[in-house]
């Protein structure tokens, strides 16, 4: 190509006018291409509806009380989403598929820390999905067969596996008052009246628990009109370390919570044993009697 024409061509192709004309021709070309494949794409979903989970326990696994808030959904082991219950949600699935459900909870009772509870076994179903159909599922979960129930306390037996600490001014005792018991005949209570300002109790037994990030959780039902601290005592050679994990906020209704002890246990790498503790404080100028009630305590790990 002659030098003058080459320079003129480069100048023209680099100009804004040329680029604008080229874009217009490209757009017109794309608009007139027939997209017949669009008619073959069916985006009609299948719907799954789950209102709630049910928990089924064995005789040595304690209460069937739970606070399952979410459904974690998998199709052929591929994650599809997490849905707060009750829920009705779409899936772009047709034909034969494996559906897996995991029961989700709020770790430490916090909405921002939703997880699937590792101690509940996943549920699996095989479906022949038909588009624009609704599949209503009523899932019943069980504990995973490998779960170790290190400590169970429902306060129904003659004794009690908690004791007041040496610093406490109040005892942990059983109560049978119907409005103070979550289920069964008994629960535990602690009271700070006008003469007492500090309560703390701990497990009588010390427990060996797995570390290195292995999941360790404490389940319980509770009701209280004061903040209650929940945590561990870690027994290391020559030292006892107290670690508060969370605070139970006051509630007039019984609640279920899953306390995540994993980090607190694992960070005390030299600990040989652990105790669980509950603590409550009343200000000296507080005229109200402070109370806390506990039921159905479980300490779990794998």
C-alpha atoms as a PDB file:
ATOM      1  CA  UNK A   1       0.000   0.000   0.000  1.00  0.00           C
ATOM      2  CA  UNK A   2       1.476   3.445  -0.920  1.00  0.00           C
ATOM      3  CA  UNK A   3       2.711   5.440   2.037  1.00  0.00           C
ATOM      4  CA  UNK A   4       0.200   8.305   1.649  1.00  0.00           C
ATOM      5  CA  UNK A   5      -2.779   5.940   1.395  1.00  0.00           C
ATOM      6  CA  UNK A   6      -1.504   3.913   4.373  1.00  0.00           C
ATOM      7  CA  UNK A   7      -1.227   7.056   6.515  1.00  0.00           C
ATOM      8  CA  UNK A   8      -4.687   8.177   5.395  1.00  0.00           C
ATOM      9  CA  UNK A   9      -6.187   4.729   6.236  1.00  0.00           C
ATOM     10  CA  UNK A  10      -4.612   4.676   9.708  1.00  0.00           C
ATOM     11  CA  UNK A  11      -5.851   8.199  10.348  1.00  0.00           C
ATOM     12  CA  UNK A  12      -9.366   7.246   9.263  1.00  0.00           C
ATOM     13  CA  UNK A  13      -9.580   4.029  11.323  1.00  0.00           C
ATOM     14  CA  UNK A  14      -8.361   5.844  14.441  1.00  0.00           C
ATOM     15  CA  UNK A  15     -10.977   8.560  14.107  1.00  0.00           C
ATOM     16  CA  UNK A  16     -14.078   8.686  16.344  1.00  0.00           C
ATOM     17  CA  UNK A  17     -16.357   8.912  13.279  1.00  0.00           C
ATOM     18  CA  UNK A  18     -15.038   5.657  11.841  1.00  0.00           C
ATOM     19  CA  UNK A  19     -15.405   3.844  15.152  1.00  0.00           C
ATOM     20  CA  UNK A  20     -18.956   5.124  15.564  1.00  0.00           C
ATOM     21  CA  UNK A  21     -19.948   3.934  12.079  1.00  0.00           C
ATOM     22  CA  UNK A  22     -18.331   0.535  12.728  1.00  0.00           C
ATOM     23  CA  UNK A  23     -20.237   0.113  15.991  1.00  0.00           C
ATOM     24  CA  UNK A  24     -23.521   0.980  14.245  1.00  0.00           C
ATOM     25  CA  UNK A  25     -22.974  -1.623  11.531  1.00  0.00           C
ATOM     26  CA  UNK A  26     -22.073  -4.225  14.176  1.00  0.00           C
ATOM     27  CA  UNK A  27     -25.240  -3.447  16.146  1.00  0.00           C
ATOM     28  CA  UNK A  28     -27.436  -3.731  13.023  1.00  0.00           C
ATOM     29  CA  UNK A  29     -25.783  -7.043  12.169  1.00  0.00           C
ATOM     30  CA  UNK A  30     -26.501  -8.465  15.627  1.00  0.00           C
ATOM     31  CA  UNK A  31     -30.105  -7.282  15.585  1.00  0.00           C
ATOM     32  CA  UNK A  32     -30.873  -9.161  12.379  1.00  0.00           C
ATOM     33  CA  UNK A  33     -29.228 -12.460  13.358  1.00  0.00           C
ATOM     34  CA  UNK A  34     -32.039 -15.013  13.996  1.00  0.00           C
ATOM     35  CA  UNK A  35     -31.859 -16.434  17.532  1.00  0.00           C
ATOM     36  CA  UNK A  36     -34.079 -19.455  17.059  1.00  0.00           C
ATOM     37  CA  UNK A  37     -32.431 -21.210  20.054  1.00  0.00           C
ATOM     38  CA  UNK A  38     -34.248 -18.817  22.432  1.00  0.00           C
ATOM     39  CA  UNK A  39     -37.433 -20.760  21.874  1.00  0.00           C
ATOM     40  CA  UNK A  40     -35.690 -23.918  23.146  1.00  0.00           C
ATOM     41  CA  UNK A  41     -34.682 -22.481  26.570  1.00  0.00           C
ATOM     42  CA  UNK A  42     -37.227 -23.268  29.297  1.00  0.00           C
ATOM     43  CA  UNK A  43     -36.657 -21.195  32.420  1.00  0.00           C
ATOM     44  CA  UNK A  44     -39.783 -22.433  34.199  1.00  0.00           C
ATOM     45  CA  UNK A  45     -38.652 -23.472  37.708  1.00  0.00           C
ATOM     46  CA  UNK A  46     -39.543 -26.285  40.050  1.00  0.00           C
ATOM     47  CA  UNK A  47     -40.610 -25.153  43.532  1.00  0.00           C
ATOM     48  CA  UNK A  48     -39.652 -26.577  46.925  1.00  0.00           C
ATOM     49  CA  UNK A  49     -41.733 -25.670  49.977  1.00  0.00           C
ATOM     50  CA  UNK A  50     -40.523 -26.248  53.552  1.00  0.00           C
ATOM     51  CA  UNK A  51     -42.379 -24.838  56.533  1.00  0.00           C
ATOM     52  CA  UNK A  52     -40.308 -26.266  59.381  1.00  0.00           C
ATOM     53  CA  UNK A  53     -37.989 -29.037  60.512  1.00  0.00           C
ATOM     54  CA  UNK A  54     -38.749 -31.630  63.174  1.00  0.00           C
ATOM     55  CA  UNK A  55     -36.034 -33.120  65.392  1.00  0.00           C
ATOM     56  CA  UNK A  56     -36.214 -36.790  66.389  1.00  0.00           C
ATOM     57  CA  UNK A  57     -33.898 -37.971  69.183  1.00  0.00           C
ATOM     58  CA  UNK A  58     -32.982 -41.281  70.750  1.00  0.00           C
ATOM     59  CA  UNK A  59     -33.553 -41.938  74.455  1.00  0.00           C
ATOM     60  CA  UNK A  60     -29.924 -41.060  75.275  1.00  0.00           C
ATOM     61  CA  UNK A  61     -29.836 -37.853  73.194  1.00  0.00           C
ATOM     62  CA  UNK A  62     -32.005 -35.579  75.315  1.00  0.00           C
ATOM     63  CA  UNK A  63     -34.765 -33.189  74.345  1.00  0.00           C
ATOM     64  CA  UNK A  64     -36.261 -32.782  70.880  1.00  0.00           C
ATOM     65  CA  UNK A  65     -36.426 -29.027  71.427  1.00  0.00           C
ATOM     66  CA  UNK A  66     -34.650 -27.183  68.635  1.00  0.00           C
ATOM     67  CA  UNK A  67     -34.297 -23.815  66.949  1.00  0.00           C
ATOM     68  CA  UNK A  68     -33.756 -24.720  63.306  1.00  0.00           C
ATOM     69  CA  UNK A  69     -34.204 -21.500  61.347  1.00  0.00           C
ATOM     70  CA  UNK A  70     -32.897 -22.244  57.839  1.00  0.00           C
ATOM     71  CA  UNK A  71     -32.763 -24.854  55.110  1.00  0.00           C
ATOM     72  CA  UNK A  72     -29.462 -25.344  53.256  1.00  0.00           C
ATOM     73  CA  UNK A  73     -30.246 -26.776  49.799  1.00  0.00           C
ATOM     74  CA  UNK A  74     -28.048 -28.869  47.499  1.00  0.00           C
ATOM     75  CA  UNK A  75     -28.856 -30.464  44.118  1.00  0.00           C
ATOM     76  CA  UNK A  76     -26.483 -33.298  43.191  1.00  0.00           C
ATOM     77  CA  UNK A  77     -24.157 -31.992  45.936  1.00  0.00           C
ATOM     78  CA  UNK A  78     -24.064 -28.499  44.398  1.00  0.00           C
ATOM     79  CA  UNK A  79     -25.138 -25.675  46.722  1.00  0.00           C
ATOM     80  CA  UNK A  80     -28.374 -23.952  45.650  1.00  0.00           C
ATOM     81  CA  UNK A  81     -28.885 -21.498  48.501  1.00  0.00           C
ATOM     82  CA  UNK A  82     -29.864 -20.951  52.126  1.00  0.00           C
ATOM     83  CA  UNK A  83     -33.506 -20.158  52.877  1.00  0.00           C
ATOM     84  CA  UNK A  84     -35.026 -18.853  56.083  1.00  0.00           C
ATOM     85  CA  UNK A  85     -38.055 -20.884  57.145  1.00  0.00           C
ATOM     86  CA  UNK A  86     -40.870 -21.058  56.264  1.00  0.00           C
ATOM     87  CA  UNK A  87     -39.816 -20.890  52.635  1.00  0.00           C
ATOM     88  CA  UNK A  88     -40.985 -21.615  49.096  1.00  0.00           C
ATOM     89  CA  UNK A  89     -38.170 -21.255  46.594  1.00  0.00           C
ATOM     90  CA  UNK A  90     -37.500 -22.025  42.902  1.00  0.00           C
ATOM     91  CA  UNK A  91     -35.006 -24.498  41.456  1.00  0.00           C
ATOM     92  CA  UNK A  92     -34.044 -24.744  37.783  1.00  0.00           C
ATOM     93  CA  UNK A  93     -34.102 -28.527  37.936  1.00  0.00           C
ATOM     94  CA  UNK A  94     -35.885 -31.034  35.747  1.00  0.00           C
ATOM     95  CA  UNK A  95     -35.758 -34.813  35.679  1.00  0.00           C
ATOM     96  CA  UNK A  96     -34.031 -37.109  38.161  1.00  0.00           C
ATOM     97  CA  UNK A  97     -31.890 -35.356  40.793  1.00  0.00           C
ATOM     98  CA  UNK A  98     -30.590 -35.891  44.316  1.00  0.00           C
ATOM     99  CA  UNK A  99     -31.847 -33.251  46.750  1.00  0.00           C
ATOM    100  CA  UNK A 100     -29.917 -32.773  50.006  1.00  0.00           C
ATOM    101  CA  UNK A 101     -31.173 -30.701  52.947  1.00  0.00           C
ATOM    102  CA  UNK A 102     -29.166 -29.498  55.926  1.00  0.00           C
ATOM    103  CA  UNK A 103     -30.743 -27.938  58.991  1.00  0.00           C
ATOM    104  CA  UNK A 104     -29.459 -24.437  59.653  1.00  0.00           C
ATOM    105  CA  UNK A 105     -29.175 -22.548  62.949  1.00  0.00           C
ATOM    106  CA  UNK A 106     -28.006 -19.186  64.244  1.00  0.00           C
ATOM    107  CA  UNK A 107     -24.667 -19.854  65.893  1.00  0.00           C
ATOM    108  CA  UNK A 108     -24.664 -18.105  69.301  1.00  0.00           C
ATOM    109  CA  UNK A 109     -28.159 -16.867  68.476  1.00  0.00           C
ATOM    110  CA  UNK A 110     -26.798 -14.265  66.043  1.00  0.00           C
ATOM    111  CA  UNK A 111     -28.541 -13.777  62.692  1.00  0.00           C
ATOM    112  CA  UNK A 112     -25.272 -12.839  60.984  1.00  0.00           C
ATOM    113  CA  UNK A 113     -23.663 -16.173  61.893  1.00  0.00           C
ATOM    114  CA  UNK A 114     -26.035 -18.647  60.252  1.00  0.00           C
ATOM    115  CA  UNK A 115     -24.519 -22.080  59.719  1.00  0.00           C
ATOM    116  CA  UNK A 116     -25.773 -25.563  59.058  1.00  0.00           C
ATOM    117  CA  UNK A 117     -25.555 -27.413  62.348  1.00  0.00           C
ATOM    118  CA  UNK A 118     -22.799 -30.005  61.942  1.00  0.00           C
ATOM    119  CA  UNK A 119     -24.329 -32.375  64.508  1.00  0.00           C
ATOM    120  CA  UNK A 120     -27.554 -32.879  62.530  1.00  0.00           C
ATOM    121  CA  UNK A 121     -27.308 -35.541  59.819  1.00  0.00           C
ATOM    122  CA  UNK A 122     -28.084 -34.294  56.278  1.00  0.00           C
ATOM    123  CA  UNK A 123     -31.286 -35.496  54.619  1.00  0.00           C
ATOM    124  CA  UNK A 124     -31.272 -36.900  51.097  1.00  0.00           C
ATOM    125  CA  UNK A 125     -34.163 -37.349  48.655  1.00  0.00           C
ATOM    126  CA  UNK A 126     -34.353 -38.584  45.076  1.00  0.00           C
ATOM    127  CA  UNK A 127     -36.880 -36.693  42.965  1.00  0.00           C
ATOM    128  CA  UNK A 128     -38.125 -36.806  39.403  1.00  0.00           C
ATOM    129  CA  UNK A 129     -38.617 -33.051  39.097  1.00  0.00           C
ATOM    130  CA  UNK A 130     -41.278 -31.652  36.781  1.00  0.00           C
ATOM    131  CA  UNK A 131     -41.132 -27.952  35.933  1.00  0.00           C
ATOM    132  CA  UNK A 132     -43.807 -25.659  37.384  1.00  0.00           C
ATOM    133  CA  UNK A 133     -44.555 -28.207  40.124  1.00  0.00           C
ATOM    134  CA  UNK A 134     -44.443 -27.656  43.909  1.00  0.00           C
ATOM    135  CA  UNK A 135     -42.781 -30.267  46.137  1.00  0.00           C
ATOM    136  CA  UNK A 136     -43.774 -29.912  49.788  1.00  0.00           C
ATOM    137  CA  UNK A 137     -41.203 -31.418  52.149  1.00  0.00           C
ATOM    138  CA  UNK A 138     -41.701 -32.044  55.876  1.00  0.00           C
ATOM    139  CA  UNK A 139     -38.157 -32.908  56.955  1.00  0.00           C
ATOM    140  CA  UNK A 140     -37.321 -34.745  60.184  1.00  0.00           C
ATOM    141  CA  UNK A 141     -33.664 -34.546  61.196  1.00  0.00           C
ATOM    142  CA  UNK A 142     -31.681 -36.666  63.614  1.00  0.00           C
ATOM    143  CA  UNK A 143     -28.327 -36.252  65.261  1.00  0.00           C
ATOM    144  CA  UNK A 144     -25.376 -37.581  63.311  1.00  0.00           C
ATOM    145  CA  UNK A 145     -24.487 -41.095  64.523  1.00  0.00           C
ATOM    146  CA  UNK A 146     -20.932 -39.991  65.394  1.00  0.00           C
ATOM    147  CA  UNK A 147     -21.999 -37.234  67.800  1.00  0.00           C
ATOM    148  CA  UNK A 148     -20.612 -37.535  71.339  1.00  0.00           C
ATOM    149  CA  UNK A 149     -22.990 -36.256  74.016  1.00  0.00           C
ATOM    150  CA  UNK A 150     -20.373 -35.336  76.600  1.00  0.00           C
ATOM    151  CA  UNK A 151     -22.835 -33.819  79.056  1.00  0.00           C
ATOM    152  CA  UNK A 152     -26.626 -34.058  79.263  1.00  0.00           C
ATOM    153  CA  UNK A 153     -28.623 -32.338  82.008  1.00  0.00           C
ATOM    154  CA  UNK A 154     -32.417 -32.043  82.000  1.00  0.00           C
ATOM    155  CA  UNK A 155     -32.681 -31.751  85.823  1.00  0.00           C
ATOM    156  CA  UNK A 156     -35.140 -34.645  85.988  1.00  0.00           C
ATOM    157  CA  UNK A 157     -32.860 -36.953  88.009  1.00  0.00           C
ATOM    158  CA  UNK A 158     -32.364 -36.797  91.739  1.00  0.00           C
ATOM    159  CA  UNK A 159     -29.091 -34.892  91.667  1.00  0.00           C
ATOM    160  CA  UNK A 160     -27.779 -31.954  89.667  1.00  0.00           C
ATOM    161  CA  UNK A 161     -24.527 -31.784  87.706  1.00  0.00           C
ATOM    162  CA  UNK A 162     -23.903 -28.067  88.405  1.00  0.00           C
ATOM    163  CA  UNK A 163     -22.506 -26.478  91.571  1.00  0.00           C
ATOM    164  CA  UNK A 164     -21.931 -22.936  92.763  1.00  0.00           C
ATOM    165  CA  UNK A 165     -18.397 -21.640  92.344  1.00  0.00           C
ATOM    166  CA  UNK A 166     -16.331 -20.463  95.294  1.00  0.00           C
ATOM    167  CA  UNK A 167     -17.023 -16.813  94.361  1.00  0.00           C
ATOM    168  CA  UNK A 168     -20.801 -17.147  94.063  1.00  0.00           C
ATOM    169  CA  UNK A 169     -23.241 -15.641  96.567  1.00  0.00           C
ATOM    170  CA  UNK A 170     -26.170 -17.743  95.323  1.00  0.00           C
ATOM    171  CA  UNK A 171     -26.864 -21.403  94.643  1.00  0.00           C
ATOM    172  CA  UNK A 172     -28.049 -23.176  91.505  1.00  0.00           C
ATOM    173  CA  UNK A 173     -31.095 -25.201  92.518  1.00  0.00           C
ATOM    174  CA  UNK A 174     -33.922 -27.176  90.946  1.00  0.00           C
ATOM    175  CA  UNK A 175     -37.440 -25.830  90.609  1.00  0.00           C
ATOM    176  CA  UNK A 176     -40.717 -27.566  89.779  1.00  0.00           C
ATOM    177  CA  UNK A 177     -42.870 -24.442  89.448  1.00  0.00           C
ATOM    178  CA  UNK A 178     -44.830 -24.997  86.201  1.00  0.00           C
ATOM    179  CA  UNK A 179     -44.151 -21.508  84.857  1.00  0.00           C
ATOM    180  CA  UNK A 180     -40.413 -21.925  85.538  1.00  0.00           C
ATOM    181  CA  UNK A 181     -39.938 -25.271  83.734  1.00  0.00           C
ATOM    182  CA  UNK A 182     -39.540 -25.555  79.960  1.00  0.00           C
ATOM    183  CA  UNK A 183     -40.539 -29.225  79.723  1.00  0.00           C
ATOM    184  CA  UNK A 184     -40.678 -32.194  82.052  1.00  0.00           C
ATOM    185  CA  UNK A 185     -41.022 -31.709  85.802  1.00  0.00           C
ATOM    186  CA  UNK A 186     -37.896 -29.729  86.705  1.00  0.00           C
ATOM    187  CA  UNK A 187     -35.546 -26.999  85.593  1.00  0.00           C
ATOM    188  CA  UNK A 188     -32.677 -25.148  87.312  1.00  0.00           C
ATOM    189  CA  UNK A 189     -32.809 -21.624  88.663  1.00  0.00           C
ATOM    190  CA  UNK A 190     -30.512 -19.000  90.149  1.00  0.00           C
ATOM    191  CA  UNK A 191     -31.760 -15.948  92.062  1.00  0.00           C
ATOM    192  CA  UNK A 192     -30.010 -12.723  93.072  1.00  0.00           C
ATOM    193  CA  UNK A 193     -32.171 -10.871  95.595  1.00  0.00           C
ATOM    194  CA  UNK A 194     -31.447  -7.654  97.493  1.00  0.00           C
ATOM    195  CA  UNK A 195     -28.711  -9.338  99.547  1.00  0.00           C
ATOM    196  CA  UNK A 196     -26.760 -10.868  96.647  1.00  0.00           C
ATOM    197  CA  UNK A 197     -24.947  -9.326  93.669  1.00  0.00           C
ATOM    198  CA  UNK A 198     -23.004 -12.198  92.087  1.00  0.00           C
ATOM    199  CA  UNK A 199     -23.930 -15.686  90.927  1.00  0.00           C
ATOM    200  CA  UNK A 200     -21.781 -18.267  89.205  1.00  0.00           C
ATOM    201  CA  UNK A 201     -22.101 -22.014  88.782  1.00  0.00           C
ATOM    202  CA  UNK A 202     -19.986 -24.562  86.976  1.00  0.00           C
ATOM    203  CA  UNK A 203     -20.154 -28.204  85.993  1.00  0.00           C
ATOM    204  CA  UNK A 204     -19.131 -30.565  88.770  1.00  0.00           C
ATOM    205  CA  UNK A 205     -17.208 -32.682  86.290  1.00  0.00           C
ATOM    206  CA  UNK A 206     -14.407 -31.491  84.038  1.00  0.00           C
ATOM    207  CA  UNK A 207     -14.498 -32.755  80.451  1.00  0.00           C
ATOM    208  CA  UNK A 208     -11.893 -33.586  77.840  1.00  0.00           C
ATOM    209  CA  UNK A 209     -12.849 -31.866  74.588  1.00  0.00           C
ATOM    210  CA  UNK A 210     -11.353 -31.960  71.080  1.00  0.00           C
ATOM    211  CA  UNK A 211      -9.243 -29.029  69.886  1.00  0.00           C
ATOM    212  CA  UNK A 212      -7.682 -28.037  66.539  1.00  0.00           C
ATOM    213  CA  UNK A 213     -10.925 -26.426  65.381  1.00  0.00           C
ATOM    214  CA  UNK A 214     -13.124 -29.478  65.949  1.00  0.00           C
ATOM    215  CA  UNK A 215     -16.719 -28.297  66.531  1.00  0.00           C
ATOM    216  CA  UNK A 216     -17.862 -28.127  70.152  1.00  0.00           C
ATOM    217  CA  UNK A 217     -21.312 -26.742  70.988  1.00  0.00           C
ATOM    218  CA  UNK A 218     -23.466 -26.229  74.067  1.00  0.00           C
ATOM    219  CA  UNK A 219     -27.244 -26.417  73.629  1.00  0.00           C
ATOM    220  CA  UNK A 220     -29.728 -25.176  76.205  1.00  0.00           C
ATOM    221  CA  UNK A 221     -33.173 -23.708  76.844  1.00  0.00           C
ATOM    222  CA  UNK A 222     -33.124 -20.579  78.994  1.00  0.00           C
ATOM    223  CA  UNK A 223     -35.210 -17.741  80.379  1.00  0.00           C
ATOM    224  CA  UNK A 224     -33.817 -14.807  82.369  1.00  0.00           C
ATOM    225  CA  UNK A 225     -34.386 -11.192  83.380  1.00  0.00           C
ATOM    226  CA  UNK A 226     -30.678 -10.315  83.583  1.00  0.00           C
ATOM    227  CA  UNK A 227     -27.647 -10.822  81.382  1.00  0.00           C
ATOM    228  CA  UNK A 228     -26.145 -14.274  81.862  1.00  0.00           C
ATOM    229  CA  UNK A 229     -22.574 -15.083  80.837  1.00  0.00           C
ATOM    230  CA  UNK A 230     -21.800 -18.510  79.377  1.00  0.00           C
ATOM    231  CA  UNK A 231     -18.259 -19.780  79.014  1.00  0.00           C
ATOM    232  CA  UNK A 232     -15.584 -22.251  79.948  1.00  0.00           C
ATOM    233  CA  UNK A 233     -12.886 -22.854  82.505  1.00  0.00           C
ATOM    234  CA  UNK A 234      -9.807 -24.295  80.771  1.00  0.00           C
ATOM    235  CA  UNK A 235      -7.475 -26.278  83.004  1.00  0.00           C
ATOM    236  CA  UNK A 236      -3.874 -26.069  81.842  1.00  0.00           C
ATOM    237  CA  UNK A 237      -0.790 -27.245  83.774  1.00  0.00           C
ATOM    238  CA  UNK A 238      -0.391 -24.795  86.651  1.00  0.00           C
ATOM    239  CA  UNK A 239      -3.159 -22.432  85.475  1.00  0.00           C
ATOM    240  CA  UNK A 240      -6.938 -22.137  85.158  1.00  0.00           C
ATOM    241  CA  UNK A 241      -8.177 -19.826  82.390  1.00  0.00           C
ATOM    242  CA  UNK A 242     -11.749 -18.457  82.448  1.00  0.00           C
ATOM    243  CA  UNK A 243     -13.200 -17.532  79.066  1.00  0.00           C
ATOM    244  CA  UNK A 244     -16.629 -15.950  78.600  1.00  0.00           C
ATOM    245  CA  UNK A 245     -18.056 -16.957  75.212  1.00  0.00           C
ATOM    246  CA  UNK A 246     -21.334 -15.035  75.009  1.00  0.00           C
ATOM    247  CA  UNK A 247     -24.011 -13.225  76.987  1.00  0.00           C
ATOM    248  CA  UNK A 248     -27.616 -14.408  77.091  1.00  0.00           C
ATOM    249  CA  UNK A 249     -29.788 -11.313  76.829  1.00  0.00           C
ATOM    250  CA  UNK A 250     -32.901 -11.060  79.021  1.00  0.00           C
ATOM    251  CA  UNK A 251     -36.004 -12.781  77.669  1.00  0.00           C
ATOM    252  CA  UNK A 252     -39.446 -13.318  79.155  1.00  0.00           C
ATOM    253  CA  UNK A 253     -40.004 -16.378  76.947  1.00  0.00           C
ATOM    254  CA  UNK A 254     -38.079 -19.629  76.888  1.00  0.00           C
ATOM    255  CA  UNK A 255     -35.501 -19.675  74.120  1.00  0.00           C
ATOM    256  CA  UNK A 256     -33.230 -22.296  72.583  1.00  0.00           C
ATOM    257  CA  UNK A 257     -29.627 -21.402  71.796  1.00  0.00           C
ATOM    258  CA  UNK A 258     -26.598 -23.122  70.280  1.00  0.00           C
ATOM    259  CA  UNK A 259     -23.439 -21.800  71.959  1.00  0.00           C
ATOM    260  CA  UNK A 260     -20.356 -22.237  69.774  1.00  0.00           C
ATOM    261  CA  UNK A 261     -17.490 -23.197  72.074  1.00  0.00           C
ATOM    262  CA  UNK A 262     -15.143 -24.259  69.266  1.00  0.00           C
ATOM    263  CA  UNK A 263     -12.742 -21.306  69.317  1.00  0.00           C
ATOM    264  CA  UNK A 264     -12.721 -20.985  73.099  1.00  0.00           C
ATOM    265  CA  UNK A 265     -11.763 -24.647  73.464  1.00  0.00           C
ATOM    266  CA  UNK A 266      -9.208 -24.733  70.639  1.00  0.00           C
ATOM    267  CA  UNK A 267      -7.379 -21.547  71.632  1.00  0.00           C
ATOM    268  CA  UNK A 268      -6.456 -23.131  74.978  1.00  0.00           C
ATOM    269  CA  UNK A 269      -4.212 -25.627  73.269  1.00  0.00           C
ATOM    270  CA  UNK A 270      -2.494 -26.771  76.459  1.00  0.00           C
ATOM    271  CA  UNK A 271      -5.721 -27.395  78.369  1.00  0.00           C
ATOM    272  CA  UNK A 272      -6.362 -30.944  79.485  1.00  0.00           C
ATOM    273  CA  UNK A 273      -9.917 -30.472  80.784  1.00  0.00           C
ATOM    274  CA  UNK A 274     -12.754 -27.961  80.663  1.00  0.00           C
ATOM    275  CA  UNK A 275     -15.724 -26.962  82.796  1.00  0.00           C
ATOM    276  CA  UNK A 276     -18.777 -25.021  81.632  1.00  0.00           C
ATOM    277  CA  UNK A 277     -19.915 -22.026  83.684  1.00  0.00           C
ATOM    278  CA  UNK A 278     -22.904 -19.655  83.908  1.00  0.00           C
ATOM    279  CA  UNK A 279     -22.661 -16.275  85.620  1.00  0.00           C
ATOM    280  CA  UNK A 280     -24.973 -13.362  86.522  1.00  0.00           C
ATOM    281  CA  UNK A 281     -24.444  -9.965  88.214  1.00  0.00           C
ATOM    282  CA  UNK A 282     -26.906  -7.625  89.952  1.00  0.00           C
ATOM    283  CA  UNK A 283     -25.977  -3.970  90.560  1.00  0.00           C
ATOM    284  CA  UNK A 284     -26.097  -2.953  94.201  1.00  0.00           C
ATOM    285  CA  UNK A 285     -28.585  -0.161  93.457  1.00  0.00           C
ATOM    286  CA  UNK A 286     -30.817  -2.506  91.429  1.00  0.00           C
ATOM    287  CA  UNK A 287     -34.099  -2.999  93.307  1.00  0.00           C
ATOM    288  CA  UNK A 288     -35.294  -5.856  91.065  1.00  0.00           C
ATOM    289  CA  UNK A 289     -34.687  -9.506  91.895  1.00  0.00           C
ATOM    290  CA  UNK A 290     -32.630 -11.056  89.113  1.00  0.00           C
ATOM    291  CA  UNK A 291     -33.401 -14.618  88.000  1.00  0.00           C
ATOM    292  CA  UNK A 292     -32.163 -17.133  85.457  1.00  0.00           C
ATOM    293  CA  UNK A 293     -33.670 -20.486  84.494  1.00  0.00           C
ATOM    294  CA  UNK A 294     -32.010 -23.317  82.551  1.00  0.00           C
ATOM    295  CA  UNK A 295     -33.269 -26.574  81.056  1.00  0.00           C
ATOM    296  CA  UNK A 296     -32.160 -29.300  78.615  1.00  0.00           C
ATOM    297  CA  UNK A 297     -28.407 -28.673  78.532  1.00  0.00           C
ATOM    298  CA  UNK A 298     -26.278 -30.619  76.041  1.00  0.00           C
ATOM    299  CA  UNK A 299     -22.514 -30.491  75.447  1.00  0.00           C
ATOM    300  CA  UNK A 300     -21.668 -32.036  72.035  1.00  0.00           C
ATOM    301  CA  UNK A 301     -18.718 -32.826  69.827  1.00  0.00           C
ATOM    302  CA  UNK A 302     -17.540 -35.478  67.350  1.00  0.00           C
END
